[in-house]
PDB file of all heavy atoms in Angstrom:
ATOM      1  N   LEU A   1      10.225  -4.762   6.314  1.00  0.00           N
ATOM      2  CA  LEU A   1      11.386  -5.259   7.047  1.00  0.00           C
ATOM      3  C   LEU A   1      12.449  -4.191   7.183  1.00  0.00           C
ATOM      4  O   LEU A   1      13.051  -4.022   8.254  1.00  0.00           O
ATOM      5  CB  LEU A   1      11.962  -6.479   6.333  1.00  0.00           C
ATOM      6  CG  LEU A   1      11.161  -7.784   6.437  1.00  0.00           C
ATOM      7  CD1 LEU A   1      11.632  -8.794   5.409  1.00  0.00           C
ATOM      8  CD2 LEU A   1      11.275  -8.377   7.847  1.00  0.00           C
ATOM      9  N   ALA A   2      12.690  -3.444   6.108  1.00  0.00           N
ATOM     10  CA  ALA A   2      13.734  -2.431   6.132  1.00  0.00           C
ATOM     11  C   ALA A   2      13.401  -1.321   7.113  1.00  0.00           C
ATOM     12  O   ALA A   2      14.246  -0.895   7.910  1.00  0.00           O
ATOM     13  CB  ALA A   2      13.948  -1.855   4.722  1.00  0.00           C
ATOM     14  N   VAL A   3      12.188  -0.809   7.069  1.00  0.00           N
ATOM     15  CA  VAL A   3      11.781   0.274   7.958  1.00  0.00           C
ATOM     16  C   VAL A   3      11.823  -0.209   9.421  1.00  0.00           C
ATOM     17  O   VAL A   3      12.299   0.488  10.321  1.00  0.00           O
ATOM     18  CB  VAL A   3      10.386   0.812   7.596  1.00  0.00           C
ATOM     19  CG1 VAL A   3       9.909   1.820   8.631  1.00  0.00           C
ATOM     20  CG2 VAL A   3      10.425   1.456   6.210  1.00  0.00           C
ATOM     21  N   MET A   4      11.337  -1.413   9.644  1.00  0.00           N
ATOM     22  CA  MET A   4      11.293  -1.981  10.996  1.00  0.00           C
ATOM     23  C   MET A   4      12.700  -2.081  11.567  1.00  0.00           C
ATOM     24  O   MET A   4      12.965  -1.672  12.723  1.00  0.00           O
ATOM     25  CB  MET A   4      10.638  -3.357  10.927  1.00  0.00           C
ATOM     26  CG  MET A   4      10.230  -3.937  12.236  1.00  0.00           C
ATOM     27  SD  MET A   4       9.352  -5.509  12.014  1.00  0.00           S
ATOM     28  CE  MET A   4       7.832  -4.945  11.252  1.00  0.00           C
ATOM     29  N   GLU A   5      13.625  -2.608  10.790  1.00  0.00           N
ATOM     30  CA  GLU A   5      15.003  -2.765  11.273  1.00  0.00           C
ATOM     31  C   GLU A   5      15.698  -1.416  11.432  1.00  0.00           C
ATOM     32  O   GLU A   5      16.489  -1.214  12.354  1.00  0.00           O
ATOM     33  CB  GLU A   5      15.790  -3.679  10.337  1.00  0.00           C
ATOM     34  CG  GLU A   5      17.180  -3.996  10.824  1.00  0.00           C
ATOM     35  CD  GLU A   5      17.462  -5.473  10.886  1.00  0.00           C
ATOM     36  OE1 GLU A   5      16.584  -6.227  11.321  1.00  0.00           O
ATOM     37  OE2 GLU A   5      18.551  -5.883  10.510  1.00  0.00           O
ATOM     38  N   CYS A   6      15.404  -0.536  10.530  1.00  0.00           N
ATOM     39  CA  CYS A   6      15.984   0.805  10.582  1.00  0.00           C
ATOM     40  C   CYS A   6      15.585   1.490  11.893  1.00  0.00           C
ATOM     41  O   CYS A   6      16.422   2.074  12.611  1.00  0.00           O
ATOM     42  CB  CYS A   6      15.495   1.600   9.373  1.00  0.00           C
ATOM     43  SG  CYS A   6      16.107   3.255   9.218  1.00  0.00           S
ATOM     44  N   LEU A   7      14.309   1.440  12.235  1.00  0.00           N
ATOM     45  CA  LEU A   7      13.820   2.055  13.468  1.00  0.00           C
ATOM     46  C   LEU A   7      14.336   1.354  14.705  1.00  0.00           C
ATOM     47  O   LEU A   7      14.676   1.995  15.718  1.00  0.00           O
ATOM     48  CB  LEU A   7      12.283   2.054  13.469  1.00  0.00           C
ATOM     49  CG  LEU A   7      11.574   2.905  12.411  1.00  0.00           C
ATOM     50  CD1 LEU A   7      10.081   2.598  12.424  1.00  0.00           C
ATOM     51  CD2 LEU A   7      11.827   4.393  12.672  1.00  0.00           C
ATOM     52  N   ASP A   8      14.426   0.046  14.661  1.00  0.00           N
ATOM     53  CA  ASP A   8      14.755  -0.743  15.836  1.00  0.00           C
ATOM     54  C   ASP A   8      16.249  -0.762  16.120  1.00  0.00           C
ATOM     55  O   ASP A   8      16.669  -0.756  17.279  1.00  0.00           O
ATOM     56  CB  ASP A   8      14.230  -2.175  15.631  1.00  0.00           C
ATOM     57  CG  ASP A   8      14.099  -2.937  16.941  1.00  0.00           C
ATOM     58  OD1 ASP A   8      14.035  -2.300  18.008  1.00  0.00           O
ATOM     59  OD2 ASP A   8      14.040  -4.171  16.893  1.00  0.00           O
ATOM     60  N   ALA A   9      17.070  -0.842  15.067  1.00  0.00           N
ATOM     61  CA  ALA A   9      18.517  -0.987  15.245  1.00  0.00           C
ATOM     62  C   ALA A   9      19.300   0.309  15.046  1.00  0.00           C
ATOM     63  O   ALA A   9      20.478   0.360  15.364  1.00  0.00           O
ATOM     64  CB  ALA A   9      19.048  -2.066  14.292  1.00  0.00           C
ATOM     65  N   GLY A  10      18.645   1.322  14.476  1.00  0.00           N
ATOM     66  CA  GLY A  10      19.326   2.606  14.307  1.00  0.00           C
ATOM     67  C   GLY A  10      20.222   2.702  13.099  1.00  0.00           C
ATOM     68  O   GLY A  10      20.919   3.707  12.912  1.00  0.00           O
ATOM     69  N   GLN A  11      20.248   1.662  12.269  1.00  0.00           N
ATOM     70  CA  GLN A  11      21.060   1.707  11.046  1.00  0.00           C
ATOM     71  C   GLN A  11      20.363   2.553   9.989  1.00  0.00           C
ATOM     72  O   GLN A  11      19.125   2.526   9.892  1.00  0.00           O
ATOM     73  CB  GLN A  11      21.281   0.287  10.504  1.00  0.00           C
ATOM     74  CG  GLN A  11      21.977  -0.650  11.469  1.00  0.00           C
ATOM     75  CD  GLN A  11      23.431  -0.288  11.697  1.00  0.00           C
ATOM     76  OE1 GLN A  11      23.991   0.564  11.025  1.00  0.00           O
ATOM     77  NE2 GLN A  11      24.058  -0.956  12.647  1.00  0.00           N
ATOM     78  N   VAL A  12      21.139   3.281   9.208  1.00  0.00           N
ATOM     79  CA  VAL A  12      20.544   4.155   8.195  1.00  0.00           C
ATOM     80  C   VAL A  12      19.915   3.276   7.083  1.00  0.00           C
ATOM     81  O   VAL A  12      20.373   2.173   6.795  1.00  0.00           O
ATOM     82  CB  VAL A  12      21.563   5.137   7.596  1.00  0.00           C
ATOM     83  CG1 VAL A  12      22.054   6.094   8.671  1.00  0.00           C
ATOM     84  CG2 VAL A  12      22.736   4.403   6.956  1.00  0.00           C
ATOM     85  N   LEU A  13      18.874   3.826   6.479  1.00  0.00           N
ATOM     86  CA  LEU A  13      18.056   3.048   5.563  1.00  0.00           C
ATOM     87  C   LEU A  13      18.857   2.554   4.360  1.00  0.00           C
ATOM     88  O   LEU A  13      18.614   1.461   3.852  1.00  0.00           O
ATOM     89  CB  LEU A  13      16.849   3.869   5.107  1.00  0.00           C
ATOM     90  CG  LEU A  13      15.731   3.115   4.419  1.00  0.00           C
ATOM     91  CD1 LEU A  13      15.226   1.973   5.280  1.00  0.00           C
ATOM     92  CD2 LEU A  13      14.578   4.058   4.088  1.00  0.00           C
ATOM     93  N   ARG A  14      19.825   3.339   3.901  1.00  0.00           N
ATOM     94  CA  ARG A  14      20.611   2.918   2.736  1.00  0.00           C
ATOM     95  C   ARG A  14      21.401   1.623   3.030  1.00  0.00           C
ATOM     96  O   ARG A  14      21.600   0.812   2.137  1.00  0.00           O
ATOM     97  CB  ARG A  14      21.567   4.024   2.296  1.00  0.00           C
ATOM     98  CG  ARG A  14      22.626   4.387   3.327  1.00  0.00           C
ATOM     99  CD  ARG A  14      23.671   5.309   2.771  1.00  0.00           C
ATOM    100  NE  ARG A  14      23.130   6.623   2.437  1.00  0.00           N
ATOM    101  CZ  ARG A  14      23.819   7.558   1.785  1.00  0.00           C
ATOM    102  NH1 ARG A  14      25.052   7.314   1.384  1.00  0.00           N
ATOM    103  NH2 ARG A  14      23.273   8.739   1.533  1.00  0.00           N
ATOM    104  N   ILE A  15      21.797   1.445   4.266  1.00  0.00           N
ATOM    105  CA  ILE A  15      22.503   0.223   4.670  1.00  0.00           C
ATOM    106  C   ILE A  15      21.500  -0.916   4.876  1.00  0.00           C
ATOM    107  O   ILE A  15      21.699  -2.046   4.436  1.00  0.00           O
ATOM    108  CB  ILE A  15      23.303   0.459   5.962  1.00  0.00           C
ATOM    109  CG1 ILE A  15      24.467   1.405   5.693  1.00  0.00           C
ATOM    110  CG2 ILE A  15      23.793  -0.869   6.545  1.00  0.00           C
ATOM    111  CD1 ILE A  15      25.562   0.839   4.832  1.00  0.00           C
ATOM    112  N   VAL A  16      20.380  -0.610   5.513  1.00  0.00           N
ATOM    113  CA  VAL A  16      19.402  -1.640   5.856  1.00  0.00           C
ATOM    114  C   VAL A  16      18.779  -2.238   4.611  1.00  0.00           C
ATOM    115  O   VAL A  16      18.524  -3.444   4.544  1.00  0.00           O
ATOM    116  CB  VAL A  16      18.333  -1.073   6.799  1.00  0.00           C
ATOM    117  CG1 VAL A  16      17.209  -2.070   7.014  1.00  0.00           C
ATOM    118  CG2 VAL A  16      18.946  -0.708   8.150  1.00  0.00           C
ATOM    119  N   ARG A  17      18.507  -1.424   3.595  1.00  0.00           N
ATOM    120  CA  ARG A  17      17.921  -1.964   2.372  1.00  0.00           C
ATOM    121  C   ARG A  17      18.796  -3.070   1.789  1.00  0.00           C
ATOM    122  O   ARG A  17      18.307  -4.112   1.362  1.00  0.00           O
ATOM    123  CB  ARG A  17      17.721  -0.864   1.322  1.00  0.00           C
ATOM    124  CG  ARG A  17      16.614   0.138   1.636  1.00  0.00           C
ATOM    125  CD  ARG A  17      15.260  -0.540   1.777  1.00  0.00           C
ATOM    126  NE  ARG A  17      14.730  -1.083   0.539  1.00  0.00           N
ATOM    127  CZ  ARG A  17      13.954  -0.463  -0.314  1.00  0.00           C
ATOM    128  NH1 ARG A  17      13.588   0.791  -0.084  1.00  0.00           N
ATOM    129  NH2 ARG A  17      13.485  -1.058  -1.380  1.00  0.00           N
ATOM    130  N   ALA A  18      20.094  -2.850   1.795  1.00  0.00           N
ATOM    131  CA  ALA A  18      21.029  -3.862   1.282  1.00  0.00           C
ATOM    132  C   ALA A  18      21.028  -5.108   2.165  1.00  0.00           C
ATOM    133  O   ALA A  18      21.138  -6.245   1.678  1.00  0.00           O
ATOM    134  CB  ALA A  18      22.437  -3.274   1.180  1.00  0.00           C
ATOM    135  N   GLN A  19      20.893  -4.896   3.476  1.00  0.00           N
ATOM    136  CA  GLN A  19      20.887  -6.051   4.390  1.00  0.00           C
ATOM    137  C   GLN A  19      19.630  -6.901   4.223  1.00  0.00           C
ATOM    138  O   GLN A  19      19.702  -8.125   4.313  1.00  0.00           O
ATOM    139  CB  GLN A  19      20.979  -5.546   5.827  1.00  0.00           C
ATOM    140  CG  GLN A  19      22.304  -4.928   6.181  1.00  0.00           C
ATOM    141  CD  GLN A  19      23.444  -5.922   6.130  1.00  0.00           C
ATOM    142  OE1 GLN A  19      23.505  -6.860   6.883  1.00  0.00           O
ATOM    143  NE2 GLN A  19      24.339  -5.751   5.174  1.00  0.00           N
ATOM    144  N   VAL A  20      18.501  -6.287   3.967  1.00  0.00           N
ATOM    145  CA  VAL A  20      17.261  -7.031   3.730  1.00  0.00           C
ATOM    146  C   VAL A  20      17.411  -7.858   2.443  1.00  0.00           C
ATOM    147  O   VAL A  20      16.990  -9.020   2.382  1.00  0.00           O
ATOM    148  CB  VAL A  20      16.056  -6.099   3.669  1.00  0.00           C
ATOM    149  CG1 VAL A  20      14.800  -6.845   3.230  1.00  0.00           C
ATOM    150  CG2 VAL A  20      15.816  -5.445   5.044  1.00  0.00           C
ATOM    151  N   ALA A  21      17.979  -7.259   1.429  1.00  0.00           N
ATOM    152  CA  ALA A  21      18.224  -8.002   0.189  1.00  0.00           C
ATOM    153  C   ALA A  21      19.129  -9.197   0.432  1.00  0.00           C
ATOM    154  O   ALA A  21      18.921 -10.287  -0.107  1.00  0.00           O
ATOM    155  CB  ALA A  21      18.809  -7.070  -0.886  1.00  0.00           C
ATOM    156  N   ARG A  22      20.158  -9.006   1.259  1.00  0.00           N
ATOM    157  CA  ARG A  22      21.067 -10.123   1.611  1.00  0.00           C
ATOM    158  C   ARG A  22      20.328 -11.195   2.366  1.00  0.00           C
ATOM    159  O   ARG A  22      20.586 -12.403   2.201  1.00  0.00           O
ATOM    160  CB  ARG A  22      22.225  -9.603   2.461  1.00  0.00           C
ATOM    161  CG  ARG A  22      23.523  -9.357   1.733  1.00  0.00           C
ATOM    162  CD  ARG A  22      24.255 -10.637   1.339  1.00  0.00           C
ATOM    163  NE  ARG A  22      24.457 -11.522   2.444  1.00  0.00           N
ATOM    164  CZ  ARG A  22      25.460 -11.412   3.317  1.00  0.00           C
ATOM    165  NH1 ARG A  22      26.320 -10.426   3.213  1.00  0.00           N
ATOM    166  NH2 ARG A  22      25.580 -12.292   4.294  1.00  0.00           N
ATOM    167  N   ALA A  23      19.404 -10.801   3.241  1.00  0.00           N
ATOM    168  CA  ALA A  23      18.645 -11.789   4.020  1.00  0.00           C
ATOM    169  C   ALA A  23      17.822 -12.674   3.096  1.00  0.00           C
ATOM    170  O   ALA A  23      17.775 -13.902   3.261  1.00  0.00           O
ATOM    171  CB  ALA A  23      17.752 -11.086   5.023  1.00  0.00           C
ATOM    172  N   ALA A  24      17.167 -12.075   2.118  1.00  0.00           N
ATOM    173  CA  ALA A  24      16.419 -12.873   1.132  1.00  0.00           C
ATOM    174  C   ALA A  24      17.359 -13.753   0.312  1.00  0.00           C
ATOM    175  O   ALA A  24      17.054 -14.919   0.027  1.00  0.00           O
ATOM    176  CB  ALA A  24      15.626 -11.942   0.216  1.00  0.00           C
ATOM    177  N   GLU A  25      18.527 -13.209  -0.030  1.00  0.00           N
ATOM    178  CA  GLU A  25      19.498 -13.967  -0.807  1.00  0.00           C
ATOM    179  C   GLU A  25      19.994 -15.190  -0.032  1.00  0.00           C
ATOM    180  O   GLU A  25      20.285 -16.227  -0.612  1.00  0.00           O
ATOM    181  CB  GLU A  25      20.672 -13.076  -1.197  1.00  0.00           C
ATOM    182  CG  GLU A  25      21.697 -13.738  -2.078  1.00  0.00           C
ATOM    183  CD  GLU A  25      22.928 -12.885  -2.321  1.00  0.00           C
ATOM    184  OE1 GLU A  25      22.951 -11.737  -1.856  1.00  0.00           O
ATOM    185  OE2 GLU A  25      23.875 -13.384  -2.975  1.00  0.00           O
ATOM    186  N   ASN A  26      20.103 -15.058   1.295  1.00  0.00           N
ATOM    187  CA  ASN A  26      20.535 -16.204   2.094  1.00  0.00           C
ATOM    188  C   ASN A  26      19.624 -17.397   1.874  1.00  0.00           C
ATOM    189  O   ASN A  26      20.086 -18.539   1.706  1.00  0.00           O
ATOM    190  CB  ASN A  26      20.541 -15.834   3.582  1.00  0.00           C
ATOM    191  CG  ASN A  26      21.706 -14.935   3.955  1.00  0.00           C
ATOM    192  OD1 ASN A  26      22.733 -14.919   3.264  1.00  0.00           O
ATOM    193  ND2 ASN A  26      21.545 -14.150   5.008  1.00  0.00           N
ATOM    194  N   PHE A  27      18.305 -17.176   1.836  1.00  0.00           N
ATOM    195  CA  PHE A  27      17.371 -18.273   1.619  1.00  0.00           C
ATOM    196  C   PHE A  27      17.434 -18.779   0.173  1.00  0.00           C
ATOM    197  O   PHE A  27      17.408 -19.985  -0.069  1.00  0.00           O
ATOM    198  CB  PHE A  27      15.940 -17.843   1.963  1.00  0.00           C
ATOM    199  CG  PHE A  27      15.664 -17.829   3.444  1.00  0.00           C
ATOM    200  CD1 PHE A  27      15.629 -16.648   4.145  1.00  0.00           C
ATOM    201  CD2 PHE A  27      15.440 -19.016   4.122  1.00  0.00           C
ATOM    202  CE1 PHE A  27      15.387 -16.628   5.500  1.00  0.00           C
ATOM    203  CE2 PHE A  27      15.187 -19.003   5.492  1.00  0.00           C
ATOM    204  CZ  PHE A  27      15.164 -17.809   6.177  1.00  0.00           C
ATOM    205  N   ALA A  28      17.540 -17.856  -0.781  1.00  0.00           N
ATOM    206  CA  ALA A  28      17.617 -18.278  -2.190  1.00  0.00           C
ATOM    207  C   ALA A  28      18.886 -19.083  -2.449  1.00  0.00           C
ATOM    208  O   ALA A  28      18.870 -20.087  -3.162  1.00  0.00           O
ATOM    209  CB  ALA A  28      17.577 -17.046  -3.094  1.00  0.00           C
ATOM    210  N   PHE A  29      19.987 -18.649  -1.852  1.00  0.00           N
ATOM    211  CA  PHE A  29      21.270 -19.339  -2.023  1.00  0.00           C
ATOM    212  C   PHE A  29      21.217 -20.749  -1.470  1.00  0.00           C
ATOM    213  O   PHE A  29      21.574 -21.723  -2.136  1.00  0.00           O
ATOM    214  CB  PHE A  29      22.368 -18.525  -1.357  1.00  0.00           C
ATOM    215  CG  PHE A  29      23.726 -19.174  -1.377  1.00  0.00           C
ATOM    216  CD1 PHE A  29      24.534 -19.079  -2.492  1.00  0.00           C
ATOM    217  CD2 PHE A  29      24.195 -19.873  -0.269  1.00  0.00           C
ATOM    218  CE1 PHE A  29      25.763 -19.695  -2.525  1.00  0.00           C
ATOM    219  CE2 PHE A  29      25.432 -20.475  -0.294  1.00  0.00           C
ATOM    220  CZ  PHE A  29      26.230 -20.373  -1.422  1.00  0.00           C
ATOM    221  N   TYR A  30      20.759 -20.889  -0.227  1.00  0.00           N
ATOM    222  CA  TYR A  30      20.744 -22.201   0.394  1.00  0.00           C
ATOM    223  C   TYR A  30      19.617 -23.070  -0.118  1.00  0.00           C
ATOM    224  O   TYR A  30      19.628 -24.309   0.103  1.00  0.00           O
ATOM    225  CB  TYR A  30      20.725 -22.084   1.915  1.00  0.00           C
ATOM    226  CG  TYR A  30      22.106 -21.851   2.463  1.00  0.00           C
ATOM    227  CD1 TYR A  30      22.496 -20.596   2.923  1.00  0.00           C
ATOM    228  CD2 TYR A  30      23.043 -22.863   2.473  1.00  0.00           C
ATOM    229  CE1 TYR A  30      23.790 -20.370   3.397  1.00  0.00           C
ATOM    230  CE2 TYR A  30      24.335 -22.656   2.950  1.00  0.00           C
ATOM    231  CZ  TYR A  30      24.693 -21.412   3.411  1.00  0.00           C
ATOM    232  OH  TYR A  30      25.957 -21.202   3.867  1.00  0.00           O
ATOM    233  N   ALA A  31      18.646 -22.498  -0.817  1.00  0.00           N
ATOM    234  CA  ALA A  31      17.635 -23.333  -1.474  1.00  0.00           C
ATOM    235  C   ALA A  31      18.318 -24.252  -2.487  1.00  0.00           C
ATOM    236  O   ALA A  31      17.952 -25.429  -2.620  1.00  0.00           O
ATOM    237  CB  ALA A  31      16.609 -22.441  -2.176  1.00  0.00           C
ATOM    238  N   GLU A  32      19.305 -23.744  -3.187  1.00  0.00           N
ATOM    239  CA  GLU A  32      20.054 -24.569  -4.150  1.00  0.00           C
ATOM    240  C   GLU A  32      20.884 -25.621  -3.433  1.00  0.00           C
ATOM    241  O   GLU A  32      20.997 -26.772  -3.872  1.00  0.00           O
ATOM    242  CB  GLU A  32      20.927 -23.683  -5.042  1.00  0.00           C
ATOM    243  CG  GLU A  32      20.162 -22.690  -5.872  1.00  0.00           C
ATOM    244  CD  GLU A  32      19.179 -23.393  -6.810  1.00  0.00           C
ATOM    245  OE1 GLU A  32      19.513 -24.470  -7.346  1.00  0.00           O
ATOM    246  OE2 GLU A  32      18.063 -22.847  -6.986  1.00  0.00           O
ATOM    247  N   TYR A  33      21.486 -25.237  -2.329  1.00  0.00           N
ATOM    248  CA  TYR A  33      22.305 -26.198  -1.581  1.00  0.00           C
ATOM    249  C   TYR A  33      21.466 -27.318  -0.981  1.00  0.00           C
ATOM    250  O   TYR A  33      21.958 -28.425  -0.773  1.00  0.00           O
ATOM    251  CB  TYR A  33      23.065 -25.460  -0.459  1.00  0.00           C
ATOM    252  CG  TYR A  33      24.396 -24.912  -0.931  1.00  0.00           C
ATOM    253  CD1 TYR A  33      24.459 -23.936  -1.903  1.00  0.00           C
ATOM    254  CD2 TYR A  33      25.577 -25.359  -0.391  1.00  0.00           C
ATOM    255  CE1 TYR A  33      25.655 -23.426  -2.335  1.00  0.00           C
ATOM    256  CE2 TYR A  33      26.803 -24.856  -0.806  1.00  0.00           C
ATOM    257  CZ  TYR A  33      26.824 -23.894  -1.783  1.00  0.00           C
ATOM    258  OH  TYR A  33      28.029 -23.387  -2.213  1.00  0.00           O
ATOM    259  N   ALA A  34      20.199 -27.030  -0.684  1.00  0.00           N
ATOM    260  CA  ALA A  34      19.333 -28.063  -0.100  1.00  0.00           C
ATOM    261  C   ALA A  34      19.296 -29.305  -0.976  1.00  0.00           C
ATOM    262  O   ALA A  34      19.235 -30.434  -0.480  1.00  0.00           O
ATOM    263  CB  ALA A  34      17.928 -27.516   0.090  1.00  0.00           C
ATOM    264  N   GLU A  35      19.320 -29.102  -2.276  1.00  0.00           N
ATOM    265  CA  GLU A  35      19.186 -30.218  -3.203  1.00  0.00           C
ATOM    266  C   GLU A  35      20.496 -30.853  -3.599  1.00  0.00           C
ATOM    267  O   GLU A  35      20.549 -32.031  -3.968  1.00  0.00           O
ATOM    268  CB  GLU A  35      18.457 -29.747  -4.470  1.00  0.00           C
ATOM    269  CG  GLU A  35      17.901 -30.871  -5.317  1.00  0.00           C
ATOM    270  CD  GLU A  35      16.987 -30.377  -6.407  1.00  0.00           C
ATOM    271  OE1 GLU A  35      16.895 -29.145  -6.619  1.00  0.00           O
ATOM    272  OE2 GLU A  35      16.347 -31.214  -7.039  1.00  0.00           O
ATOM    273  N   HIS A  36      21.600 -30.094  -3.503  1.00  0.00           N
ATOM    274  CA  HIS A  36      22.845 -30.587  -4.079  1.00  0.00           C
ATOM    275  C   HIS A  36      24.007 -30.748  -3.099  1.00  0.00           C
ATOM    276  O   HIS A  36      25.017 -31.320  -3.448  1.00  0.00           O
ATOM    277  CB  HIS A  36      23.306 -29.650  -5.208  1.00  0.00           C
ATOM    278  CG  HIS A  36      22.295 -29.502  -6.304  1.00  0.00           C
ATOM    279  ND1 HIS A  36      21.902 -30.552  -7.119  1.00  0.00           N
ATOM    280  CD2 HIS A  36      21.567 -28.415  -6.700  1.00  0.00           C
ATOM    281  CE1 HIS A  36      21.009 -30.115  -7.988  1.00  0.00           C
ATOM    282  NE2 HIS A  36      20.762 -28.831  -7.753  1.00  0.00           N
TER     283      HIS A  36
END
């Protein structure tokens, strides 16, 4: 995901790696909200 977005959007990899981690965190975070 990081390499794909880096190539496609032109963002440097050090930024994109953090964004991919945030994308996964979005699902993990709202997984808890789904129940409560």
